[in-house]
Amino acid sequence: PTPEELDAEQQAAKEQLQLILDSSRPKHLGYGVTSGVSNMVAGAVGAAGVIVLAPVMGTAVGAKQGGIVGGTVGLVGGERVIV
């Protein structure tokens, strides 16, 4: 790409970023707090899902590849991912 094309891409990216920032700014404190709490809850729910799914998936993959020993290693490995 030419320097002009790179400059045009950079300018377009800056404009898109500004649009995103402008649209996501809260109108007042209440909206900001609600949005922040919502994001924290979503993150906590996602983390809880990983805590449950990592050992289960590790067990399933390990059992498929190596029987009972592989399942046990997968379970322990999945738990280590969490910690």
Protein backbone atom coordinates (compact mmCIF):
# COMPACT_ATOMS: atom_id res chain seq x y z
CA PRO A 1 0.00 0.00 0.00
CA THR A 2 1.08 3.53 -0.69
CA PRO A 3 1.59 6.08 2.08
CA GLU A 4 -1.61 7.84 0.99
CA GLU A 5 -3.61 4.62 1.30
CA LEU A 6 -2.15 3.99 4.75
CA ASP A 7 -3.01 7.54 5.84
CA ALA A 8 -6.56 7.11 4.53
CA GLU A 9 -6.95 3.80 6.41
CA GLN A 10 -5.58 5.36 9.60
CA GLN A 11 -7.96 8.30 9.32
CA ALA A 12 -10.92 5.97 8.71
CA ALA A 13 -9.93 3.89 11.76
CA LYS A 14 -9.70 7.03 13.92
CA GLU A 15 -13.15 8.14 12.78
CA GLN A 16 -14.64 4.71 13.52
CA LEU A 17 -13.05 4.69 16.96
CA GLN A 18 -14.41 8.14 17.72
CA LEU A 19 -17.91 7.04 16.66
CA ILE A 20 -17.70 4.04 18.97
CA LEU A 21 -16.48 6.15 21.88
CA ASP A 22 -19.13 8.80 21.33
CA SER A 23 -21.94 6.25 21.15
CA SER A 24 -20.85 4.37 24.27
CA ARG A 25 -20.36 7.35 26.58
CA PRO A 26 -23.00 7.39 29.30
CA LYS A 27 -25.39 10.30 29.42
CA HIS A 28 -25.12 10.60 33.20
CA LEU A 29 -23.73 8.80 36.25
CA GLY A 30 -26.66 6.39 36.55
CA TYR A 31 -26.15 5.07 33.02
CA GLY A 32 -22.42 4.73 33.62
CA VAL A 33 -22.86 2.79 36.85
CA THR A 34 -25.51 0.54 35.30
CA SER A 35 -23.29 -0.15 32.30
CA GLY A 36 -20.27 -0.89 34.51
CA VAL A 37 -22.18 -3.25 36.78
CA SER A 38 -23.66 -4.98 33.75
CA ASN A 39 -20.20 -5.55 32.29
CA MET A 40 -18.88 -6.87 35.60
CA VAL A 41 -21.77 -9.33 35.92
CA ALA A 42 -21.27 -10.50 32.33
CA GLY A 43 -17.58 -11.09 33.04
CA ALA A 44 -18.34 -13.01 36.24
CA VAL A 45 -20.88 -15.21 34.45
CA GLY A 46 -18.35 -15.91 31.69
CA ALA A 47 -15.70 -16.81 34.25
CA ALA A 48 -18.10 -19.14 36.05
CA GLY A 49 -18.80 -20.85 32.72
CA VAL A 50 -15.09 -21.40 32.17
CA ILE A 51 -14.71 -22.79 35.69
CA VAL A 52 -17.33 -25.41 34.92
CA LEU A 53 -16.51 -26.13 31.29
CA ALA A 54 -12.69 -26.34 31.39
CA PRO A 55 -12.50 -29.51 33.53
CA VAL A 56 -15.45 -31.08 31.71
CA MET A 57 -13.92 -30.44 28.29
CA GLY A 58 -10.50 -31.60 29.47
CA THR A 59 -12.04 -34.81 30.77
CA ALA A 60 -13.96 -35.42 27.55
CA VAL A 61 -10.95 -34.85 25.30
CA GLY A 62 -8.62 -36.84 27.54
CA ALA A 63 -11.04 -39.76 27.78
CA LYS A 64 -11.49 -39.80 24.02
CA GLN A 65 -7.74 -39.84 23.43
CA GLY A 66 -6.52 -42.00 26.28
CA GLY A 67 -9.36 -43.71 28.11
CA ILE A 68 -9.72 -43.38 31.87
CA VAL A 69 -6.15 -42.18 32.43
CA GLY A 70 -6.54 -39.52 29.75
CA GLY A 71 -9.84 -38.45 31.26
CA THR A 72 -8.27 -38.05 34.67
CA VAL A 73 -5.33 -36.09 33.24
CA GLY A 74 -7.76 -33.92 31.28
CA LEU A 75 -9.80 -33.22 34.41
CA VAL A 76 -6.72 -32.22 36.39
CA GLY A 77 -5.42 -30.14 33.48
CA GLY A 78 -8.77 -28.39 33.15
CA GLU A 79 -8.74 -27.53 36.83
CA ARG A 80 -5.21 -26.14 36.52
CA VAL A 81 -6.34 -23.84 33.71
CA ILE A 82 -8.81 -22.32 36.13
CA VAL A 83 -6.30 -21.78 38.92
